[in-house]
Protein backbone atom coordinates (compact mmCIF):
# COMPACT_ATOMS: atom_id res chain seq x y z
CA UNK A 1 1.45 -66.67 -47.19
CA UNK A 2 0.71 -63.08 -48.04
CA UNK A 3 -2.88 -63.57 -46.88
CA UNK A 4 -1.67 -64.98 -43.55
CA UNK A 5 0.50 -61.89 -42.93
CA UNK A 6 -2.46 -59.59 -43.52
CA UNK A 7 -4.58 -61.56 -41.03
CA UNK A 8 -1.77 -61.40 -38.44
CA UNK A 9 -1.39 -57.63 -38.93
CA UNK A 10 -5.15 -57.18 -38.53
CA UNK A 11 -5.13 -59.19 -35.29
CA UNK A 12 -2.37 -56.96 -33.91
CA UNK A 13 -4.10 -53.70 -34.85
CA UNK A 14 -7.61 -54.58 -33.67
CA UNK A 15 -6.89 -54.38 -29.89
CA UNK A 16 -5.39 -50.92 -30.34
CA UNK A 17 -8.43 -49.71 -32.31
CA UNK A 18 -10.78 -51.25 -29.75
CA UNK A 19 -8.95 -49.52 -26.90
CA UNK A 20 -9.21 -46.17 -28.64
CA UNK A 21 -12.94 -46.66 -29.30
CA UNK A 22 -13.60 -47.61 -25.68
CA UNK A 23 -11.66 -44.58 -24.47
CA UNK A 24 -13.68 -42.25 -26.67
CA UNK A 25 -17.01 -43.64 -25.47
CA UNK A 26 -16.15 -43.88 -21.74
CA UNK A 27 -17.18 -41.34 -19.10
CA UNK A 28 -13.59 -40.52 -18.16
CA UNK A 29 -12.40 -37.40 -16.34
CA UNK A 30 -13.70 -34.11 -17.70
CA UNK A 31 -11.27 -32.36 -20.00
CA UNK A 32 -10.31 -28.98 -18.58
CA UNK A 33 -11.13 -25.94 -20.62
CA UNK A 34 -8.16 -24.02 -22.02
CA UNK A 35 -6.90 -21.19 -19.83
CA UNK A 36 -7.99 -18.44 -22.23
CA UNK A 37 -11.59 -19.67 -22.18
CA UNK A 38 -11.68 -19.14 -18.42
CA UNK A 39 -10.05 -15.73 -18.75
CA UNK A 40 -12.41 -14.53 -21.48
CA UNK A 41 -15.33 -15.81 -19.45
CA UNK A 42 -14.13 -13.86 -16.41
CA UNK A 43 -13.81 -10.66 -18.45
CA UNK A 44 -17.34 -11.02 -19.84
CA UNK A 45 -18.70 -11.54 -16.35
CA UNK A 46 -16.85 -8.51 -15.00
CA UNK A 47 -18.21 -6.40 -17.87
CA UNK A 48 -21.76 -7.51 -17.07
CA UNK A 49 -21.35 -6.93 -13.33
CA UNK A 50 -21.41 -10.63 -12.46
CA UNK A 51 -18.48 -10.37 -10.06
CA UNK A 52 -19.29 -13.59 -8.20
CA UNK A 53 -19.11 -15.54 -11.47
CA UNK A 54 -15.93 -13.68 -12.46
CA UNK A 55 -14.30 -14.69 -9.18
CA UNK A 56 -15.11 -18.36 -9.90
CA UNK A 57 -13.48 -18.18 -13.35
CA UNK A 58 -10.43 -16.28 -12.10
CA UNK A 59 -9.90 -18.67 -9.19
CA UNK A 60 -10.11 -21.58 -11.67
CA UNK A 61 -7.21 -20.04 -13.61
CA UNK A 62 -5.24 -19.52 -10.41
CA UNK A 63 -5.70 -23.12 -9.26
CA UNK A 64 -5.54 -24.99 -12.60
CA UNK A 65 -2.99 -22.89 -14.46
CA UNK A 66 -0.76 -21.34 -11.76
CA UNK A 67 2.09 -20.83 -14.23
CA UNK A 68 -0.01 -20.09 -17.28
CA UNK A 69 -0.11 -17.03 -19.50
CA UNK A 70 -3.07 -15.48 -17.68
CA UNK A 71 -2.22 -16.50 -14.10
CA UNK A 72 -0.71 -13.19 -12.97
CA UNK A 73 -3.40 -11.10 -14.66
CA UNK A 74 -6.08 -13.30 -13.10
CA UNK A 75 -4.63 -12.59 -9.66
CA UNK A 76 -4.74 -8.83 -10.13
CA UNK A 77 -8.25 -9.04 -11.62
CA UNK A 78 -9.30 -10.97 -8.51
CA UNK A 79 -8.50 -7.91 -6.39
CA UNK A 80 -10.95 -5.86 -8.45
CA UNK A 81 -13.63 -8.56 -8.60
CA UNK A 82 -13.56 -9.15 -4.83
CA UNK A 83 -13.74 -5.42 -4.16
CA UNK A 84 -16.65 -4.87 -6.54
CA UNK A 85 -18.40 -7.87 -4.98
CA UNK A 86 -18.15 -6.05 -1.60
CA UNK A 87 -15.68 -8.65 -0.31
CA UNK A 88 -13.22 -6.03 0.92
CA UNK A 89 -11.27 -8.33 3.25
CA UNK A 90 -10.76 -10.77 0.38
CA UNK A 91 -9.71 -7.87 -1.87
CA UNK A 92 -7.20 -6.69 0.72
CA UNK A 93 -5.78 -10.21 1.10
CA UNK A 94 -5.60 -10.67 -2.68
CA UNK A 95 -3.73 -7.37 -2.99
CA UNK A 96 -1.23 -8.34 -0.27
CA UNK A 97 -0.69 -11.71 -1.93
CA UNK A 98 -0.11 -10.11 -5.33
CA UNK A 99 2.37 -7.61 -3.88
CA UNK A 100 4.28 -10.44 -2.20
CA UNK A 101 4.39 -12.66 -5.30
CA UNK A 102 4.87 -10.08 -8.07
CA UNK A 103 6.70 -7.01 -6.72
CA UNK A 104 7.84 -5.97 -10.22
CA UNK A 105 4.59 -6.59 -12.10
CA UNK A 106 3.32 -3.71 -14.32
CA UNK A 107 0.14 -3.58 -12.20
CA UNK A 108 1.91 -3.49 -8.83
CA UNK A 109 0.82 0.14 -8.29
CA UNK A 110 -2.79 -0.95 -8.71
CA UNK A 111 -2.34 -3.65 -6.05
CA UNK A 112 -0.95 -1.11 -3.56
CA UNK A 113 -3.76 1.33 -4.37
CA UNK A 114 -6.52 -1.26 -3.93
CA UNK A 115 -4.92 -2.57 -0.75
CA UNK A 116 -5.31 0.88 0.78
CA UNK A 117 -8.77 1.39 -0.62
CA UNK A 118 -9.97 -1.96 0.75
CA UNK A 119 -8.99 -1.16 4.33
CA UNK A 120 -11.90 1.21 4.87
CA UNK A 121 -15.09 1.16 2.81
CA UNK A 122 -17.82 1.79 5.36
CA UNK A 123 -18.75 5.00 3.56
CA UNK A 124 -19.40 2.94 0.42
CA UNK A 125 -22.81 1.87 1.73
CA UNK A 126 -25.89 3.10 -0.09
CA UNK A 127 -27.41 4.67 3.04
CA UNK A 128 -24.21 6.54 3.92
CA UNK A 129 -23.95 8.01 0.43
CA UNK A 130 -27.66 8.79 0.15
CA UNK A 131 -27.93 10.54 3.51
CA UNK A 132 -24.40 11.97 3.61
CA UNK A 133 -23.98 10.32 7.01
CA UNK A 134 -21.16 11.67 9.16
CA UNK A 135 -19.01 8.68 10.05
CA UNK A 136 -16.44 10.59 12.06
CA UNK A 137 -17.94 9.68 15.44
CA UNK A 138 -17.71 5.93 14.77
CA UNK A 139 -14.78 3.52 14.97
CA UNK A 140 -12.31 4.73 12.35
CA UNK A 141 -9.37 2.43 12.98
CA UNK A 142 -9.89 1.12 9.45
CA UNK A 143 -9.83 4.68 8.11
CA UNK A 144 -6.47 5.27 9.81
CA UNK A 145 -5.08 2.05 8.32
CA UNK A 146 -6.40 3.02 4.91
CA UNK A 147 -4.87 6.49 5.19
CA UNK A 148 -1.50 4.94 6.06
CA UNK A 149 -1.61 2.42 3.20
CA UNK A 150 -2.71 4.96 0.61
CA UNK A 151 0.03 7.30 1.81
CA UNK A 152 2.51 4.47 1.23
CA UNK A 153 1.10 4.01 -2.27
CA UNK A 154 1.53 7.73 -3.03
CA UNK A 155 5.12 7.64 -1.75
CA UNK A 156 5.98 4.61 -3.89
CA UNK A 157 4.06 5.57 -7.03
CA UNK A 158 3.58 9.36 -7.16
CA UNK A 159 3.15 9.27 -10.96
CA UNK A 160 0.70 6.36 -11.07
CA UNK A 161 -2.50 6.81 -13.03
CA UNK A 162 -4.33 6.02 -9.77
CA UNK A 163 -2.54 8.76 -7.78
CA UNK A 164 -5.24 11.44 -8.34
CA UNK A 165 -7.91 9.11 -6.89
CA UNK A 166 -5.61 8.23 -4.00
CA UNK A 167 -4.98 11.88 -3.17
CA UNK A 168 -8.71 12.61 -3.13
CA UNK A 169 -9.31 9.61 -0.92
CA UNK A 170 -6.63 10.66 1.55
CA UNK A 171 -8.05 14.17 1.79
CA UNK A 172 -11.40 12.62 2.66
CA UNK A 173 -9.87 10.23 5.20
CA UNK A 174 -7.68 12.92 6.77
CA UNK A 175 -10.71 15.14 7.34
CA UNK A 176 -12.69 12.24 8.78
CA UNK A 177 -9.89 11.35 11.22
CA UNK A 178 -9.66 15.00 12.29
CA UNK A 179 -13.43 15.17 12.84
CA UNK A 180 -13.23 12.02 14.92
CA UNK A 181 -10.63 13.59 17.21
CA UNK A 182 -12.72 16.74 17.55
CA UNK A 183 -15.89 14.79 18.27
CA UNK A 184 -14.09 13.56 21.37
CA UNK A 185 -12.92 17.12 22.11
CA UNK A 186 -16.52 18.35 21.92
CA UNK A 187 -17.53 15.71 24.44
CA UNK A 188 -14.76 16.80 26.81
CA UNK A 189 -15.95 20.40 26.48
CA UNK A 190 -19.47 19.33 27.42
CA UNK A 191 -18.23 17.83 30.70
CA UNK A 192 -15.76 20.67 31.38
CA UNK A 193 -12.72 18.41 30.84
CA UNK A 194 -10.84 21.23 29.15
CA UNK A 195 -7.34 19.78 29.44
CA UNK A 196 -8.47 16.67 27.55
CA UNK A 197 -10.22 18.86 24.96
CA UNK A 198 -7.02 20.87 24.48
CA UNK A 199 -5.05 17.66 23.97
CA UNK A 200 -7.39 16.48 21.22
CA UNK A 201 -7.48 19.86 19.48
CA UNK A 202 -3.69 20.19 19.55
CA UNK A 203 -3.35 16.68 18.13
CA UNK A 204 -5.41 17.69 15.09
CA UNK A 205 -3.43 20.89 14.52
CA UNK A 206 -0.02 19.25 14.96
CA UNK A 207 -0.55 15.79 13.43
CA UNK A 208 -3.30 16.25 10.83
CA UNK A 209 -2.18 19.41 9.02
CA UNK A 210 -4.26 21.00 6.28
CA UNK A 211 -7.42 19.19 7.31
CA UNK A 212 -10.80 20.90 7.01
CA UNK A 213 -11.04 20.89 10.83
CA UNK A 214 -8.18 23.25 11.79
CA UNK A 215 -10.48 26.20 12.37
CA UNK A 216 -12.76 24.09 14.54
CA UNK A 217 -9.76 22.84 16.53
CA UNK A 218 -8.59 26.41 17.13
CA UNK A 219 -12.05 27.41 18.35
CA UNK A 220 -11.98 24.53 20.83
CA UNK A 221 -8.61 25.77 22.08
CA UNK A 222 -10.02 29.28 22.36
CA UNK A 223 -12.94 28.08 24.48
CA UNK A 224 -10.82 25.89 26.73
CA UNK A 225 -8.07 28.48 27.27
CA UNK A 226 -10.70 31.04 28.18
CA UNK A 227 -12.38 28.67 30.65
CA UNK A 228 -9.05 27.76 32.24
CA UNK A 229 -7.80 31.35 32.40
CA UNK A 230 -4.78 30.74 30.15
CA UNK A 231 -4.68 34.35 28.94
CA UNK A 232 -1.40 34.25 27.02
CA UNK A 233 -2.33 31.08 25.12
CA UNK A 234 -5.78 32.53 24.50
CA UNK A 235 -4.28 35.70 22.98
CA UNK A 236 -2.05 33.58 20.71
CA UNK A 237 -4.97 31.49 19.44
CA UNK A 238 -7.11 34.58 18.81
CA UNK A 239 -4.28 36.10 16.74
CA UNK A 240 -3.90 32.88 14.70
CA UNK A 241 -7.63 32.79 14.02
CA UNK A 242 -7.77 36.45 13.01
CA UNK A 243 -4.78 36.08 10.68
CA UNK A 244 -5.83 32.85 8.97
CA UNK A 245 -9.61 32.73 9.29
CA UNK A 246 -10.72 36.33 9.33
CA UNK A 247 -13.86 35.66 7.31
CA UNK A 248 -14.56 32.16 8.60
CA UNK A 249 -16.97 33.19 11.36
CA UNK A 250 -19.44 34.63 8.88
CA UNK A 251 -19.05 31.76 6.41
CA UNK A 252 -19.63 28.91 8.81
CA UNK A 253 -18.40 25.42 8.02
CA UNK A 254 -18.15 25.10 4.24
CA UNK A 255 -16.12 21.90 4.18
CA UNK A 256 -17.15 19.75 1.26
CA UNK A 257 -16.61 16.11 0.44
CA UNK A 258 -15.31 15.68 -3.09
CA UNK A 259 -14.75 11.96 -2.73
CA UNK A 260 -17.00 9.63 -4.71
CA UNK A 261 -17.09 5.89 -5.33
CA UNK A 262 -18.39 6.42 -8.86
CA UNK A 263 -14.88 6.22 -10.32
CA UNK A 264 -14.46 2.54 -9.42
CA UNK A 265 -15.71 1.03 -12.64
CA UNK A 266 -13.21 3.13 -14.57
CA UNK A 267 -10.19 1.82 -12.66
CA UNK A 268 -10.34 -1.84 -13.59
CA UNK A 269 -6.69 -3.01 -13.73
CA UNK A 270 -4.95 -2.78 -17.09
CA UNK A 271 -4.29 -6.00 -18.94
CA UNK A 272 -0.61 -6.89 -19.10
CA UNK A 273 -1.01 -8.72 -22.43
């Protein structure tokens, strides 16, 4: 009787064991790697400059573990990885998405900063940096958007660790926008359209204060007022130049560009762990 019970128990257990063995040996669905493996992989790839591979790993976290421990950090790291992979539109979109989803995240200042930085990066090209190409006479609508977004960042986060870089960037962009306006003013001077030249020069003085181009704008006004016979306005401009730029004529244009993209690798977003 006892022997019969053992045989019955064995018959009941064998199908379960067989099922387990078959399951172990079958080519079933691939087991997903733990979230941290993806995250560590992404960090190694970022460190080695493999931004394309880092994006793959970070997007895997975002899609497979949307509520996991590393999901939010992966989203902010995606902003950096896209930007460093020269995918500036993707970086801008990733920053906007992060701002929308995580307005109180510790790295929210970084998202705002990178959003502004991503709007205009034409001067990041190797040729532009190597030749110090003047981009002011090209389409700078992106530069104006970037200036506006970085200004918003500085208003929201004046004490951010990224604020010094943002201030340098906005000085650069402000000067570029002013040069763009005056490039048009120079053209109007060349065709004797002095009223239009005056309008451009006044725009720079009134709306882009403290730019490197104020002296140049005043000289355009001086030329145009003289050509048009506006003696009173001409006297006023000459007085302003003599009071504020008495030694500028002999110095020439000494405006310098202190902005550099070399800082980028040092501003990888902080980990929120």
